[in-house]
Every structure is written in C-alpha cells, then in structure tokens.
Amino acid sequence: MAFQRMCALSVLLVFSGSTLADFLDGYLFDTRPLLLFSDTANDPVYEQQLKLLSGDDCGLFERNVTVINVVENEVNSIDGHTLSPGQSTKFRDQYQADGYKRLIVLVGKDGEVKLRAHMPLSSRDLFKLIDLMPTRRAEAAYQKTNACTAT
C-alpha cells in the first residue's frame, strides 16, 4: 500500500491559507507535480484520465510524478492537510485553469509549467514529454535499475 502511494500519490484539493505556489515549493527539485483540474469528480473524461494514469504507476514513480487532483466543490486534502474552498480559486488562477472543465498541468522540478493540455492525455505521451527534459535525461543516465515492481 505504501509503495502504491509512492508510485502515484493521488490527492484531491480544496484550498485556502498559504498560497499554493508556496505549497508546491515543497516539491521543487524532488517531484514533478501533475495537476488534474476538473469541475466534478464524476466527469467521465476525468475518470478516464485517472484510469490512464493509474495503469502506469511504475512510469509515474520512475519519473517522480506526483498526481494532484484539483476538483471543484469537493472537500479535499493534500498530504494530510485539509484545504479550504478559497484556495481552489487561487490555484485555478495561478495555473490559468479557469474556463477549463478538464485541464492537465505538468510542473517541472524547476517549478515551471511544462505542459498544459486537455484531458485525456495518455501516460505514453506524458512520458515522452518528460523523457525529453534535460533533468529527466540526467536522472535516466544515473538510474541503474528499474526500482518499480508494482503489481
């Protein structure tokens, strides 16, 4: 169970308090946050996106991707911290997600937005993009073995 959490941390968010930019600073140089924005958790395209990603836990783990689900009108938390509704708006504003029912935003280890795309996006296409990044190329060069053995 802990392994699956490491492979693809998937959390739901509803926000307030400190800015989410500050929150994501904790991920800098360690993980690549993949933000999944949706108006509702019951959206079939959003559900399809979750299935596409959950089928590739090892690929997400090897590329240090942390999946963060940003769902409107839900009581959500991230890493055990419950966040208030006011932060949702700030988060959507920060990543220019307003007006999009389903949006994917990939943030690189450097904190810069690397991808903005509509759902669904295959994990294969996501991995191609990540694998072209200079930081990922350096990681792959030093990665000795495939450490992921998800079942």
Protein backbone atom coordinates (compact mmCIF):
# COMPACT_ATOMS: atom_id res chain seq x y z
CA MET A 1 0.00 0.00 0.00
CA ALA A 2 2.80 2.44 0.87
CA PHE A 3 4.51 1.54 -2.39
CA GLN A 4 1.44 2.47 -4.42
CA ARG A 5 1.31 5.79 -2.58
CA MET A 6 4.92 6.44 -3.59
CA CYS A 7 4.27 5.38 -7.19
CA ALA A 8 1.39 7.73 -7.78
CA LEU A 9 0.31 9.99 -4.99
CA SER A 10 -3.19 10.99 -5.97
CA VAL A 11 -4.94 13.52 -3.82
CA LEU A 12 -7.92 15.83 -4.09
CA LEU A 13 -7.69 19.51 -3.27
CA VAL A 14 -9.92 22.29 -1.96
CA PHE A 15 -7.84 25.24 -0.84
CA SER A 16 -7.10 28.21 1.48
CA GLY A 17 -4.41 29.53 3.79
CA SER A 18 -0.92 29.92 2.38
CA THR A 19 -0.64 30.19 -1.37
CA LEU A 20 -0.42 27.00 -3.31
CA ALA A 21 2.69 28.29 -5.01
CA ASP A 22 4.28 28.08 -1.57
CA PHE A 23 2.85 24.60 -1.16
CA LEU A 24 4.28 23.38 -4.46
CA ASP A 25 7.66 24.86 -3.49
CA GLY A 26 7.95 21.81 -1.24
CA TYR A 27 8.01 19.67 -4.38
CA LEU A 28 10.75 21.64 -6.15
CA PHE A 29 13.73 19.59 -7.31
CA ASP A 30 12.11 16.45 -5.87
CA THR A 31 8.96 15.67 -7.85
CA ARG A 32 7.05 16.74 -10.93
CA PRO A 33 3.51 17.73 -9.87
CA LEU A 34 0.87 16.74 -12.39
CA LEU A 35 -2.26 18.77 -11.67
CA LEU A 36 -5.57 17.39 -12.90
CA PHE A 37 -8.24 20.12 -12.87
CA SER A 38 -11.87 19.05 -13.09
CA ASP A 39 -15.24 20.62 -12.36
CA THR A 40 -16.52 17.37 -10.86
CA ALA A 41 -15.12 14.04 -9.73
CA ASN A 42 -17.93 12.29 -11.63
CA ASP A 43 -16.87 13.59 -15.06
CA PRO A 44 -16.35 10.56 -17.37
CA VAL A 45 -13.33 12.15 -19.09
CA TYR A 46 -11.73 12.95 -15.73
CA GLU A 47 -12.38 9.37 -14.57
CA GLN A 48 -10.83 8.09 -17.82
CA GLN A 49 -7.76 10.25 -17.16
CA LEU A 50 -7.37 8.79 -13.67
CA LYS A 51 -7.58 5.26 -15.11
CA LEU A 52 -4.99 6.04 -17.78
CA LEU A 53 -2.54 7.26 -15.16
CA SER A 54 -3.26 4.59 -12.57
CA GLY A 55 -2.33 1.94 -15.13
CA ASP A 56 1.23 3.30 -15.22
CA ASP A 57 2.27 3.54 -11.57
CA CYS A 58 5.83 2.46 -12.36
CA GLY A 59 6.25 5.06 -15.08
CA LEU A 60 4.98 7.79 -12.75
CA PHE A 61 7.24 6.57 -9.95
CA GLU A 62 10.35 6.38 -12.16
CA ARG A 63 9.75 9.92 -13.39
CA ASN A 64 8.97 11.31 -9.91
CA VAL A 65 5.47 12.41 -10.91
CA THR A 66 3.04 13.35 -8.14
CA VAL A 67 -0.57 13.40 -9.32
CA ILE A 68 -2.65 16.12 -7.66
CA ASN A 69 -6.38 16.19 -8.42
CA VAL A 70 -7.96 19.64 -8.20
CA VAL A 71 -11.72 19.09 -8.11
CA GLU A 72 -14.18 21.96 -7.67
CA ASN A 73 -16.74 21.82 -4.86
CA GLU A 74 -15.11 18.87 -3.11
CA VAL A 75 -13.67 18.63 0.39
CA ASN A 76 -10.12 17.68 -0.41
CA SER A 77 -6.73 17.36 1.18
CA ILE A 78 -3.15 17.01 0.14
CA ASP A 79 -0.53 15.17 2.13
CA GLY A 80 -2.97 15.04 5.05
CA HIS A 81 -3.70 18.79 5.13
CA THR A 82 -7.33 19.76 4.55
CA LEU A 83 -7.62 22.84 2.42
CA SER A 84 -10.47 25.36 2.24
CA PRO A 85 -12.60 26.35 -0.78
CA GLY A 86 -10.90 29.75 -1.17
CA GLN A 87 -7.66 28.16 -2.25
CA SER A 88 -9.29 26.42 -5.20
CA THR A 89 -9.81 29.75 -6.91
CA LYS A 90 -6.23 30.81 -6.18
CA PHE A 91 -4.91 27.54 -7.54
CA ARG A 92 -7.03 27.76 -10.70
CA ASP A 93 -5.91 31.38 -11.17
CA GLN A 94 -2.25 30.54 -10.66
CA TYR A 95 -2.33 27.82 -13.32
CA GLN A 96 -4.86 29.62 -15.54
CA ALA A 97 -7.33 26.75 -15.27
CA ASP A 98 -10.48 28.87 -15.10
CA GLY A 99 -12.76 28.24 -18.03
CA TYR A 100 -11.48 24.69 -18.49
CA LYS A 101 -13.60 21.78 -17.32
CA ARG A 102 -10.72 19.34 -17.66
CA LEU A 103 -7.14 20.51 -17.75
CA ILE A 104 -3.78 18.87 -17.10
CA VAL A 105 -0.83 20.97 -15.96
CA LEU A 106 2.62 19.42 -15.58
CA VAL A 107 5.01 21.38 -13.38
CA GLY A 108 8.69 20.55 -13.74
CA LYS A 109 11.13 20.03 -10.91
CA ASP A 110 12.24 23.62 -11.51
CA GLY A 111 8.71 24.89 -10.73
CA GLU A 112 7.97 25.94 -14.32
CA VAL A 113 4.87 24.80 -16.20
CA LYS A 114 5.99 22.26 -18.81
CA LEU A 115 2.60 21.23 -20.22
CA ARG A 116 -0.98 22.48 -20.36
CA ALA A 117 -3.30 20.05 -22.12
CA HIS A 118 -6.90 18.93 -22.28
CA MET A 119 -7.90 15.54 -20.88
CA PRO A 120 -7.49 12.76 -21.65
CA LEU A 121 -3.75 12.53 -22.12
CA SER A 122 -2.12 9.14 -22.41
CA SER A 123 0.65 8.30 -19.99
CA ARG A 124 2.73 7.38 -23.05
CA ASP A 125 2.52 10.96 -24.39
CA LEU A 126 3.19 12.36 -20.93
CA PHE A 127 6.25 10.14 -20.50
CA LYS A 128 7.59 11.12 -23.94
CA LEU A 129 7.50 14.78 -22.93
CA ILE A 130 9.10 14.15 -19.54
CA ASP A 131 11.80 11.92 -21.03
CA LEU A 132 12.88 14.76 -23.33
CA MET A 133 13.53 17.10 -20.39
CA PRO A 134 17.23 17.66 -19.56
CA THR A 135 16.68 16.90 -15.88
CA ARG A 136 14.98 13.60 -16.71
CA ARG A 137 17.74 12.65 -19.14
CA ALA A 138 20.29 13.17 -16.39
CA GLU A 139 18.17 11.10 -13.98
CA ALA A 140 17.84 8.26 -16.50
CA ALA A 141 21.61 8.25 -17.08
CA TYR A 142 22.19 7.67 -13.36
CA GLN A 143 19.30 5.27 -12.83
CA LYS A 144 20.93 1.84 -12.59
CA THR A 145 17.88 -0.41 -12.45
CA ASN A 146 14.14 -0.25 -12.64
CA ALA A 147 13.24 0.08 -8.96
CA CYS A 148 9.49 -0.18 -9.53
CA THR A 149 7.83 -3.55 -9.14
CA ALA A 150 4.17 -2.54 -8.79
CA THR A 151 1.61 -5.28 -9.04
